[in-house]
PDB file of N, CA and C in Angstrom:
ATOM      1  N   UNK A   1       8.205 -32.699   2.642  1.00  0.00           N
ATOM      2  CA  UNK A   1       7.477 -31.656   3.318  1.00  0.00           C
ATOM      3  C   UNK A   1       7.299 -30.494   2.344  1.00  0.00           C
ATOM      4  N   UNK A   2       6.047 -30.026   2.202  1.00  0.00           N
ATOM      5  CA  UNK A   2       5.734 -28.886   1.339  1.00  0.00           C
ATOM      6  C   UNK A   2       5.016 -27.849   2.183  1.00  0.00           C
ATOM      7  N   UNK A   3       5.755 -26.912   2.736  1.00  0.00           N
ATOM      8  CA  UNK A   3       5.176 -25.921   3.636  1.00  0.00           C
ATOM      9  C   UNK A   3       4.484 -24.837   2.830  1.00  0.00           C
ATOM     10  N   UNK A   4       3.255 -24.512   3.242  1.00  0.00           N
ATOM     11  CA  UNK A   4       2.450 -23.458   2.619  1.00  0.00           C
ATOM     12  C   UNK A   4       2.242 -22.337   3.622  1.00  0.00           C
ATOM     13  N   UNK A   5       2.170 -21.102   3.130  1.00  0.00           N
ATOM     14  CA  UNK A   5       1.913 -19.948   3.976  1.00  0.00           C
ATOM     15  C   UNK A   5       0.447 -19.559   3.856  1.00  0.00           C
ATOM     16  N   UNK A   6      -0.209 -19.342   5.013  1.00  0.00           N
ATOM     17  CA  UNK A   6      -1.599 -18.911   5.051  1.00  0.00           C
ATOM     18  C   UNK A   6      -1.649 -17.590   5.807  1.00  0.00           C
ATOM     19  N   UNK A   7      -2.104 -16.524   5.143  1.00  0.00           N
ATOM     20  CA  UNK A   7      -2.096 -15.179   5.698  1.00  0.00           C
ATOM     21  C   UNK A   7      -3.422 -14.848   6.357  1.00  0.00           C
ATOM     22  N   UNK A   8      -3.366 -14.295   7.565  1.00  0.00           N
ATOM     23  CA  UNK A   8      -4.510 -13.637   8.195  1.00  0.00           C
ATOM     24  C   UNK A   8      -4.175 -12.153   8.152  1.00  0.00           C
ATOM     25  N   UNK A   9      -4.846 -11.400   7.302  1.00  0.00           N
ATOM     26  CA  UNK A   9      -4.544  -9.988   7.088  1.00  0.00           C
ATOM     27  C   UNK A   9      -4.599  -9.212   8.399  1.00  0.00           C
ATOM     28  N   UNK A  10      -4.008  -8.030   8.396  1.00  0.00           N
ATOM     29  CA  UNK A  10      -3.969  -7.194   9.591  1.00  0.00           C
ATOM     30  C   UNK A  10      -5.374  -6.961  10.122  1.00  0.00           C
ATOM     31  N   UNK A  11      -5.496  -7.028  11.436  1.00  0.00           N
ATOM     32  CA  UNK A  11      -6.789  -6.775  12.040  1.00  0.00           C
ATOM     33  C   UNK A  11      -6.803  -7.105  13.510  1.00  0.00           C
ATOM     34  N   UNK A  12      -8.011  -6.969  14.078  1.00  0.00           N
ATOM     35  CA  UNK A  12      -8.218  -7.264  15.491  1.00  0.00           C
ATOM     36  C   UNK A  12      -9.195  -8.419  15.685  1.00  0.00           C
ATOM     37  N   UNK A  13      -9.855  -8.829  14.610  1.00  0.00           N
ATOM     38  CA  UNK A  13     -10.877  -9.871  14.712  1.00  0.00           C
ATOM     39  C   UNK A  13     -10.257 -11.263  14.715  1.00  0.00           C
ATOM     40  N   UNK A  14     -10.931 -12.181  15.387  1.00  0.00           N
ATOM     41  CA  UNK A  14     -10.529 -13.581  15.363  1.00  0.00           C
ATOM     42  C   UNK A  14     -10.728 -14.134  13.946  1.00  0.00           C
ATOM     43  N   UNK A  15     -10.010 -15.205  13.630  1.00  0.00           N
ATOM     44  CA  UNK A  15     -10.154 -15.856  12.324  1.00  0.00           C
ATOM     45  C   UNK A  15     -10.452 -17.328  12.569  1.00  0.00           C
ATOM     46  N   UNK A  16     -11.741 -17.659  12.521  1.00  0.00           N
ATOM     47  CA  UNK A  16     -12.161 -19.051  12.693  1.00  0.00           C
ATOM     48  C   UNK A  16     -11.707 -19.828  11.458  1.00  0.00           C
ATOM     49  N   UNK A  17     -11.234 -21.023  11.647  1.00  0.00           N
ATOM     50  CA  UNK A  17     -10.769 -21.886  10.555  1.00  0.00           C
ATOM     51  C   UNK A  17      -9.803 -21.133   9.632  1.00  0.00           C
ATOM     52  N   UNK A  18      -8.821 -20.486  10.240  1.00  0.00           N
ATOM     53  CA  UNK A  18      -7.784 -19.819   9.439  1.00  0.00           C
ATOM     54  C   UNK A  18      -7.169 -20.819   8.468  1.00  0.00           C
ATOM     55  N   UNK A  19      -7.002 -22.046   8.938  1.00  0.00           N
ATOM     56  CA  UNK A  19      -6.563 -23.156   8.089  1.00  0.00           C
ATOM     57  C   UNK A  19      -7.585 -24.273   8.271  1.00  0.00           C
ATOM     58  N   UNK A  20      -8.141 -24.743   7.160  1.00  0.00           N
ATOM     59  CA  UNK A  20      -9.181 -25.770   7.201  1.00  0.00           C
ATOM     60  C   UNK A  20      -8.644 -27.098   7.720  1.00  0.00           C
ATOM     61  N   UNK A  21      -9.540 -27.870   8.292  1.00  0.00           N
ATOM     62  CA  UNK A  21      -9.180 -29.197   8.797  1.00  0.00           C
ATOM     63  C   UNK A  21      -8.661 -30.080   7.667  1.00  0.00           C
ATOM     64  N   UNK A  22      -7.689 -30.905   7.998  1.00  0.00           N
ATOM     65  CA  UNK A  22      -7.130 -31.885   7.059  1.00  0.00           C
ATOM     66  C   UNK A  22      -6.469 -32.961   7.916  1.00  0.00           C
ATOM     67  N   UNK A  23      -6.675 -34.200   7.579  1.00  0.00           N
ATOM     68  CA  UNK A  23      -6.208 -35.318   8.404  1.00  0.00           C
ATOM     69  C   UNK A  23      -4.724 -35.254   8.746  1.00  0.00           C
ATOM     70  N   UNK A  24      -3.899 -34.690   7.871  1.00  0.00           N
ATOM     71  CA  UNK A  24      -2.456 -34.672   8.118  1.00  0.00           C
ATOM     72  C   UNK A  24      -1.906 -33.261   8.345  1.00  0.00           C
ATOM     73  N   UNK A  25      -2.782 -32.305   8.659  1.00  0.00           N
ATOM     74  CA  UNK A  25      -2.362 -30.915   8.847  1.00  0.00           C
ATOM     75  C   UNK A  25      -1.408 -30.780  10.023  1.00  0.00           C
ATOM     76  N   UNK A  26      -0.314 -30.031   9.793  1.00  0.00           N
ATOM     77  CA  UNK A  26       0.659 -29.744  10.845  1.00  0.00           C
ATOM     78  C   UNK A  26       1.007 -28.260  10.788  1.00  0.00           C
ATOM     79  N   UNK A  27       1.014 -27.612  11.957  1.00  0.00           N
ATOM     80  CA  UNK A  27       1.458 -26.229  12.071  1.00  0.00           C
ATOM     81  C   UNK A  27       2.967 -26.257  12.254  1.00  0.00           C
ATOM     82  N   UNK A  28       3.689 -25.758  11.258  1.00  0.00           N
ATOM     83  CA  UNK A  28       5.156 -25.822  11.277  1.00  0.00           C
ATOM     84  C   UNK A  28       5.794 -24.541  11.793  1.00  0.00           C
ATOM     85  N   UNK A  29       5.078 -23.421  11.683  1.00  0.00           N
ATOM     86  CA  UNK A  29       5.634 -22.160  12.146  1.00  0.00           C
ATOM     87  C   UNK A  29       4.636 -21.037  12.048  1.00  0.00           C
ATOM     88  N   UNK A  30       5.036 -19.879  12.584  1.00  0.00           N
ATOM     89  CA  UNK A  30       4.205 -18.674  12.577  1.00  0.00           C
ATOM     90  C   UNK A  30       5.088 -17.461  12.412  1.00  0.00           C
ATOM     91  N   UNK A  31       4.555 -16.439  11.775  1.00  0.00           N
ATOM     92  CA  UNK A  31       5.159 -15.119  11.894  1.00  0.00           C
ATOM     93  C   UNK A  31       4.048 -14.184  12.339  1.00  0.00           C
ATOM     94  N   UNK A  32       4.376 -13.311  13.278  1.00  0.00           N
ATOM     95  CA  UNK A  32       3.399 -12.406  13.870  1.00  0.00           C
ATOM     96  C   UNK A  32       4.014 -11.021  13.925  1.00  0.00           C
ATOM     97  N   UNK A  33       3.262 -10.029  13.443  1.00  0.00           N
ATOM     98  CA  UNK A  33       3.707  -8.645  13.518  1.00  0.00           C
ATOM     99  C   UNK A  33       2.607  -7.806  14.146  1.00  0.00           C
ATOM    100  N   UNK A  34       2.977  -6.922  15.059  1.00  0.00           N
ATOM    101  CA  UNK A  34       2.039  -5.959  15.626  1.00  0.00           C
ATOM    102  C   UNK A  34       1.954  -4.818  14.625  1.00  0.00           C
ATOM    103  N   UNK A  35       0.729  -4.498  14.156  1.00  0.00           N
ATOM    104  CA  UNK A  35       0.588  -3.583  13.017  1.00  0.00           C
ATOM    105  C   UNK A  35      -0.389  -2.434  13.250  1.00  0.00           C
ATOM    106  N   UNK A  36      -0.643  -2.057  14.488  1.00  0.00           N
ATOM    107  CA  UNK A  36      -1.568  -0.955  14.769  1.00  0.00           C
ATOM    108  C   UNK A  36      -0.980   0.374  14.322  1.00  0.00           C
ATOM    109  N   UNK A  37      -1.846   1.308  13.936  1.00  0.00           N
ATOM    110  CA  UNK A  37      -1.396   2.647  13.548  1.00  0.00           C
ATOM    111  C   UNK A  37      -0.674   3.320  14.711  1.00  0.00           C
ATOM    112  N   UNK A  38      -1.194   3.150  15.913  1.00  0.00           N
ATOM    113  CA  UNK A  38      -0.523   3.597  17.125  1.00  0.00           C
ATOM    114  C   UNK A  38      -0.030   2.336  17.826  1.00  0.00           C
ATOM    115  N   UNK A  39       1.261   2.152  17.842  1.00  0.00           N
ATOM    116  CA  UNK A  39       1.846   0.904  18.332  1.00  0.00           C
ATOM    117  C   UNK A  39       1.418   0.574  19.753  1.00  0.00           C
ATOM    118  N   UNK A  40       1.107  -0.704  19.960  1.00  0.00           N
ATOM    119  CA  UNK A  40       0.727  -1.214  21.282  1.00  0.00           C
ATOM    120  C   UNK A  40       1.003  -2.710  21.313  1.00  0.00           C
ATOM    121  N   UNK A  41       1.229  -3.254  22.476  1.00  0.00           N
ATOM    122  CA  UNK A  41       1.469  -4.691  22.598  1.00  0.00           C
ATOM    123  C   UNK A  41       0.258  -5.465  22.090  1.00  0.00           C
ATOM    124  N   UNK A  42       0.506  -6.691  21.629  1.00  0.00           N
ATOM    125  CA  UNK A  42      -0.574  -7.528  21.102  1.00  0.00           C
ATOM    126  C   UNK A  42      -0.396  -8.957  21.599  1.00  0.00           C
ATOM    127  N   UNK A  43      -1.516  -9.666  21.676  1.00  0.00           N
ATOM    128  CA  UNK A  43      -1.487 -11.072  22.066  1.00  0.00           C
ATOM    129  C   UNK A  43      -2.393 -11.857  21.133  1.00  0.00           C
ATOM    130  N   UNK A  44      -1.890 -13.007  20.669  1.00  0.00           N
ATOM    131  CA  UNK A  44      -2.698 -13.934  19.876  1.00  0.00           C
ATOM    132  C   UNK A  44      -2.570 -15.323  20.472  1.00  0.00           C
ATOM    133  N   UNK A  45      -3.545 -16.162  20.167  1.00  0.00           N
ATOM    134  CA  UNK A  45      -3.472 -17.567  20.550  1.00  0.00           C
ATOM    135  C   UNK A  45      -3.875 -18.391  19.335  1.00  0.00           C
ATOM    136  N   UNK A  46      -3.029 -19.307  18.932  1.00  0.00           N
ATOM    137  CA  UNK A  46      -3.359 -20.242  17.864  1.00  0.00           C
ATOM    138  C   UNK A  46      -4.015 -21.452  18.510  1.00  0.00           C
ATOM    139  N   UNK A  47      -5.156 -21.860  17.964  1.00  0.00           N
ATOM    140  CA  UNK A  47      -5.930 -22.960  18.528  1.00  0.00           C
ATOM    141  C   UNK A  47      -6.048 -24.103  17.539  1.00  0.00           C
ATOM    142  N   UNK A  48      -6.019 -25.323  18.045  1.00  0.00           N
ATOM    143  CA  UNK A  48      -6.258 -26.510  17.231  1.00  0.00           C
ATOM    144  C   UNK A  48      -7.761 -26.732  17.225  1.00  0.00           C
ATOM    145  N   UNK A  49      -8.394 -26.384  16.119  1.00  0.00           N
ATOM    146  CA  UNK A  49      -9.832 -26.528  15.970  1.00  0.00           C
ATOM    147  C   UNK A  49     -10.356 -25.561  14.938  1.00  0.00           C
ATOM    148  N   UNK A  50     -11.500 -25.885  14.359  1.00  0.00           N
ATOM    149  CA  UNK A  50     -12.093 -25.052  13.309  1.00  0.00           C
ATOM    150  C   UNK A  50     -12.791 -23.819  13.881  1.00  0.00           C
ATOM    151  N   UNK A  51     -13.095 -23.834  15.182  1.00  0.00           N
ATOM    152  CA  UNK A  51     -13.737 -22.693  15.840  1.00  0.00           C
ATOM    153  C   UNK A  51     -13.167 -22.561  17.242  1.00  0.00           C
ATOM    154  N   UNK A  52     -13.617 -21.534  17.943  1.00  0.00           N
ATOM    155  CA  UNK A  52     -13.176 -21.338  19.325  1.00  0.00           C
ATOM    156  C   UNK A  52     -14.090 -22.047  20.314  1.00  0.00           C
ATOM    157  N   UNK A  53     -14.822 -23.044  19.849  1.00  0.00           N
ATOM    158  CA  UNK A  53     -15.735 -23.788  20.716  1.00  0.00           C
ATOM    159  C   UNK A  53     -14.977 -24.408  21.885  1.00  0.00           C
ATOM    160  N   UNK A  54     -15.688 -24.686  22.931  1.00  0.00           N
ATOM    161  CA  UNK A  54     -15.078 -25.286  24.122  1.00  0.00           C
ATOM    162  C   UNK A  54     -14.339 -26.561  23.760  1.00  0.00           C
ATOM    163  N   UNK A  55     -13.224 -26.761  24.395  1.00  0.00           N
ATOM    164  CA  UNK A  55     -12.483 -27.994  24.200  1.00  0.00           C
ATOM    165  C   UNK A  55     -11.361 -27.908  23.190  1.00  0.00           C
ATOM    166  N   UNK A  56     -11.193 -26.773  22.502  1.00  0.00           N
ATOM    167  CA  UNK A  56     -10.075 -26.676  21.566  1.00  0.00           C
ATOM    168  C   UNK A  56      -8.770 -26.614  22.335  1.00  0.00           C
ATOM    169  N   UNK A  57      -7.713 -27.006  21.679  1.00  0.00           N
ATOM    170  CA  UNK A  57      -6.396 -27.083  22.315  1.00  0.00           C
ATOM    171  C   UNK A  57      -5.575 -25.850  21.945  1.00  0.00           C
ATOM    172  N   UNK A  58      -4.992 -25.210  22.943  1.00  0.00           N
ATOM    173  CA  UNK A  58      -4.095 -24.084  22.689  1.00  0.00           C
ATOM    174  C   UNK A  58      -2.798 -24.636  22.112  1.00  0.00           C
ATOM    175  N   UNK A  59      -2.456 -24.190  20.919  1.00  0.00           N
ATOM    176  CA  UNK A  59      -1.240 -24.650  20.257  1.00  0.00           C
ATOM    177  C   UNK A  59      -0.084 -23.702  20.551  1.00  0.00           C
ATOM    178  N   UNK A  60      -0.340 -22.394  20.460  1.00  0.00           N
ATOM    179  CA  UNK A  60       0.739 -21.432  20.648  1.00  0.00           C
ATOM    180  C   UNK A  60       0.192 -20.099  21.132  1.00  0.00           C
ATOM    181  N   UNK A  61       0.444 -19.720  22.387  1.00  0.00           N
ATOM    182  CA  UNK A  61       0.126 -18.369  22.840  1.00  0.00           C
ATOM    183  C   UNK A  61       1.327 -17.462  22.539  1.00  0.00           C
ATOM    184  N   UNK A  62       1.075 -16.336  21.887  1.00  0.00           N
ATOM    185  CA  UNK A  62       2.163 -15.453  21.453  1.00  0.00           C
ATOM    186  C   UNK A  62       1.878 -14.027  21.899  1.00  0.00           C
ATOM    187  N   UNK A  63       2.857 -13.374  22.484  1.00  0.00           N
ATOM    188  CA  UNK A  63       2.780 -11.956  22.828  1.00  0.00           C
ATOM    189  C   UNK A  63       3.873 -11.224  22.068  1.00  0.00           C
ATOM    190  N   UNK A  64       3.513 -10.075  21.479  1.00  0.00           N
ATOM    191  CA  UNK A  64       4.510  -9.240  20.807  1.00  0.00           C
ATOM    192  C   UNK A  64       4.382  -7.820  21.348  1.00  0.00           C
ATOM    193  N   UNK A  65       5.514  -7.141  21.474  1.00  0.00           N
ATOM    194  CA  UNK A  65       5.521  -5.771  21.963  1.00  0.00           C
ATOM    195  C   UNK A  65       5.090  -4.791  20.889  1.00  0.00           C
ATOM    196  N   UNK A  66       4.950  -3.554  21.275  1.00  0.00           N
ATOM    197  CA  UNK A  66       4.608  -2.488  20.336  1.00  0.00           C
ATOM    198  C   UNK A  66       5.618  -2.480  19.192  1.00  0.00           C
ATOM    199  N   UNK A  67       5.111  -2.470  17.964  1.00  0.00           N
ATOM    200  CA  UNK A  67       5.939  -2.553  16.751  1.00  0.00           C
ATOM    201  C   UNK A  67       6.759  -3.834  16.711  1.00  0.00           C
ATOM    202  N   UNK A  68       6.353  -4.842  17.468  1.00  0.00           N
ATOM    203  CA  UNK A  68       7.098  -6.093  17.549  1.00  0.00           C
ATOM    204  C   UNK A  68       6.819  -7.032  16.396  1.00  0.00           C
ATOM    205  N   UNK A  69       7.714  -7.976  16.242  1.00  0.00           N
ATOM    206  CA  UNK A  69       7.628  -8.986  15.196  1.00  0.00           C
ATOM    207  C   UNK A  69       8.330 -10.238  15.699  1.00  0.00           C
ATOM    208  N   UNK A  70       7.780 -11.389  15.354  1.00  0.00           N
ATOM    209  CA  UNK A  70       8.434 -12.628  15.736  1.00  0.00           C
ATOM    210  C   UNK A  70       8.164 -13.722  14.734  1.00  0.00           C
ATOM    211  N   UNK A  71       9.132 -14.610  14.575  1.00  0.00           N
ATOM    212  CA  UNK A  71       8.977 -15.797  13.735  1.00  0.00           C
ATOM    213  C   UNK A  71       9.240 -16.998  14.635  1.00  0.00           C
ATOM    214  N   UNK A  72       8.353 -17.962  14.574  1.00  0.00           N
ATOM    215  CA  UNK A  72       8.416 -19.122  15.444  1.00  0.00           C
ATOM    216  C   UNK A  72       8.355 -20.378  14.591  1.00  0.00           C
ATOM    217  N   UNK A  73       9.290 -21.312  14.788  1.00  0.00           N
ATOM    218  CA  UNK A  73       9.303 -22.589  14.068  1.00  0.00           C
ATOM    219  C   UNK A  73       9.177 -23.716  15.063  1.00  0.00           C
ATOM    220  N   UNK A  74       8.398 -24.706  14.712  1.00  0.00           N
ATOM    221  CA  UNK A  74       8.171 -25.845  15.592  1.00  0.00           C
ATOM    222  C   UNK A  74       8.954 -27.038  15.060  1.00  0.00           C
ATOM    223  N   UNK A  75       9.790 -27.601  15.906  1.00  0.00           N
ATOM    224  CA  UNK A  75      10.690 -28.697  15.534  1.00  0.00           C
ATOM    225  C   UNK A  75       9.943 -29.982  15.183  1.00  0.00           C
ATOM    226  N   UNK A  76      10.670 -30.912  14.604  1.00  0.00           N
ATOM    227  CA  UNK A  76      10.195 -32.272  14.331  1.00  0.00           C
ATOM    228  C   UNK A  76       8.927 -32.327  13.485  1.00  0.00           C
ATOM    229  N   UNK A  77       8.862 -31.494  12.465  1.00  0.00           N
ATOM    230  CA  UNK A  77       7.735 -31.562  11.535  1.00  0.00           C
ATOM    231  C   UNK A  77       6.500 -30.809  11.948  1.00  0.00           C
ATOM    232  N   UNK A  78       6.555 -30.057  13.028  1.00  0.00           N
ATOM    233  CA  UNK A  78       5.430 -29.232  13.416  1.00  0.00           C
ATOM    234  C   UNK A  78       4.492 -29.893  14.405  1.00  0.00           C
ATOM    235  N   UNK A  79       3.378 -29.201  14.661  1.00  0.00           N
ATOM    236  CA  UNK A  79       2.381 -29.635  15.634  1.00  0.00           C
ATOM    237  C   UNK A  79       1.165 -30.171  14.892  1.00  0.00           C
ATOM    238  N   UNK A  80       0.748 -31.415  15.138  1.00  0.00           N
ATOM    239  CA  UNK A  80      -0.431 -31.956  14.457  1.00  0.00           C
ATOM    240  C   UNK A  80      -1.688 -31.154  14.818  1.00  0.00           C
ATOM    241  N   UNK A  81      -2.444 -30.745  13.794  1.00  0.00           N
ATOM    242  CA  UNK A  81      -3.689 -29.988  13.988  1.00  0.00           C
ATOM    243  C   UNK A  81      -4.742 -30.466  12.988  1.00  0.00           C
ATOM    244  N   UNK A  82      -5.112 -31.738  13.014  1.00  0.00           N
ATOM    245  CA  UNK A  82      -6.032 -32.263  12.003  1.00  0.00           C
ATOM    246  C   UNK A  82      -7.416 -31.634  12.015  1.00  0.00           C
ATOM    247  N   UNK A  83      -7.800 -30.966  13.119  1.00  0.00           N
ATOM    248  CA  UNK A  83      -9.113 -30.330  13.188  1.00  0.00           C
ATOM    249  C   UNK A  83      -9.113 -28.904  12.666  1.00  0.00           C
ATOM    250  N   UNK A  84      -7.993 -28.454  12.107  1.00  0.00           N
ATOM    251  CA  UNK A  84      -7.883 -27.090  11.599  1.00  0.00           C
ATOM    252  C   UNK A  84      -7.200 -26.187  12.608  1.00  0.00           C
ATOM    253  N   UNK A  85      -6.987 -24.933  12.196  1.00  0.00           N
ATOM    254  CA  UNK A  85      -6.303 -23.951  13.036  1.00  0.00           C
ATOM    255  C   UNK A  85      -7.123 -22.675  13.057  1.00  0.00           C
ATOM    256  N   UNK A  86      -7.393 -22.175  14.261  1.00  0.00           N
ATOM    257  CA  UNK A  86      -8.139 -20.938  14.462  1.00  0.00           C
ATOM    258  C   UNK A  86      -7.226 -19.926  15.139  1.00  0.00           C
ATOM    259  N   UNK A  87      -7.355 -18.660  14.728  1.00  0.00           N
ATOM    260  CA  UNK A  87      -6.574 -17.565  15.300  1.00  0.00           C
ATOM    261  C   UNK A  87      -7.469 -16.778  16.248  1.00  0.00           C
ATOM    262  N   UNK A  88      -7.076 -16.722  17.520  1.00  0.00           N
ATOM    263  CA  UNK A  88      -7.774 -15.930  18.532  1.00  0.00           C
ATOM    264  C   UNK A  88      -6.919 -14.696  18.798  1.00  0.00           C
ATOM    265  N   UNK A  89      -7.404 -13.548  18.337  1.00  0.00           N
ATOM    266  CA  UNK A  89      -6.693 -12.295  18.605  1.00  0.00           C
ATOM    267  C   UNK A  89      -7.217 -11.750  19.933  1.00  0.00           C
ATOM    268  N   UNK A  90      -6.408 -11.862  20.954  1.00  0.00           N
ATOM    269  CA  UNK A  90      -6.802 -11.476  22.309  1.00  0.00           C
ATOM    270  C   UNK A  90      -6.751  -9.967  22.473  1.00  0.00           C
ATOM    271  N   UNK A  91      -5.679  -9.352  21.981  1.00  0.00           N
ATOM    272  CA  UNK A  91      -5.547  -7.901  22.083  1.00  0.00           C
ATOM    273  C   UNK A  91      -4.632  -7.394  20.974  1.00  0.00           C
ATOM    274  N   UNK A  92      -4.790  -6.124  20.647  1.00  0.00           N
ATOM    275  CA  UNK A  92      -3.942  -5.489  19.656  1.00  0.00           C
ATOM    276  C   UNK A  92      -4.329  -5.803  18.224  1.00  0.00           C
ATOM    277  N   UNK A  93      -3.568  -5.233  17.310  1.00  0.00           N
ATOM    278  CA  UNK A  93      -3.747  -5.432  15.878  1.00  0.00           C
ATOM    279  C   UNK A  93      -2.534  -6.180  15.353  1.00  0.00           C
ATOM    280  N   UNK A  94      -2.772  -7.268  14.639  1.00  0.00           N
ATOM    281  CA  UNK A  94      -1.670  -8.100  14.171  1.00  0.00           C
ATOM    282  C   UNK A  94      -1.883  -8.539  12.734  1.00  0.00           C
ATOM    283  N   UNK A  95      -0.780  -8.864  12.087  1.00  0.00           N
ATOM    284  CA  UNK A  95      -0.774  -9.609  10.841  1.00  0.00           C
ATOM    285  C   UNK A  95      -0.100 -10.933  11.173  1.00  0.00           C
ATOM    286  N   UNK A  96      -0.750 -12.032  10.803  1.00  0.00           N
ATOM    287  CA  UNK A  96      -0.253 -13.359  11.172  1.00  0.00           C
ATOM    288  C   UNK A  96      -0.151 -14.220   9.910  1.00  0.00           C
ATOM    289  N   UNK A  97       0.945 -14.945   9.799  1.00  0.00           N
ATOM    290  CA  UNK A  97       1.105 -15.944   8.748  1.00  0.00           C
ATOM    291  C   UNK A  97       1.365 -17.273   9.428  1.00  0.00           C
ATOM    292  N   UNK A  98       0.556 -18.276   9.078  1.00  0.00           N
ATOM    293  CA  UNK A  98       0.763 -19.630   9.576  1.00  0.00           C
ATOM    294  C   UNK A  98       1.451 -20.427   8.484  1.00  0.00           C
ATOM    295  N   UNK A  99       2.503 -21.133   8.840  1.00  0.00           N
ATOM    296  CA  UNK A  99       3.223 -21.999   7.899  1.00  0.00           C
ATOM    297  C   UNK A  99       2.797 -23.423   8.204  1.00  0.00           C
ATOM    298  N   UNK A 100       2.113 -24.047   7.249  1.00  0.00           N
ATOM    299  CA  UNK A 100       1.513 -25.352   7.486  1.00  0.00           C
ATOM    300  C   UNK A 100       1.959 -26.367   6.441  1.00  0.00           C
ATOM    301  N   UNK A 101       1.838 -27.614   6.820  1.00  0.00           N
ATOM    302  CA  UNK A 101       2.135 -28.725   5.913  1.00  0.00           C
ATOM    303  C   UNK A 101       0.981 -29.704   5.986  1.00  0.00           C
ATOM    304  N   UNK A 102       0.618 -30.249   4.850  1.00  0.00           N
ATOM    305  CA  UNK A 102      -0.388 -31.301   4.776  1.00  0.00           C
ATOM    306  C   UNK A 102       0.302 -32.496   4.142  1.00  0.00           C
ATOM    307  N   UNK A 103       1.003 -33.272   4.957  1.00  0.00           N
ATOM    308  CA  UNK A 103       1.846 -34.377   4.457  1.00  0.00           C
ATOM    309  C   UNK A 103       1.053 -35.459   3.810  1.00  0.00           C
TER     310      UNK A 103
END
């Protein structure tokens, strides 16, 4: 297993194809920090798919409090996401790092 970190810089915008599709792509973990100048709760959703088009699968819905931070690891080699990974920023300002493996 060779885990790589993929950064989505601080912001409020969604990130389509944060991680490009790959036949063996697995989401192994996430780190999420709420990074607004004026602290406020934030919500993100990681999606299995290159875009937010209908039919994508919700992989991980995450909520963080004001000035919050969380690290999440997925057991047993991670979650298969061969169609890529998209970041849906529902609310707030966040910095997100996806830890992925392409076995």
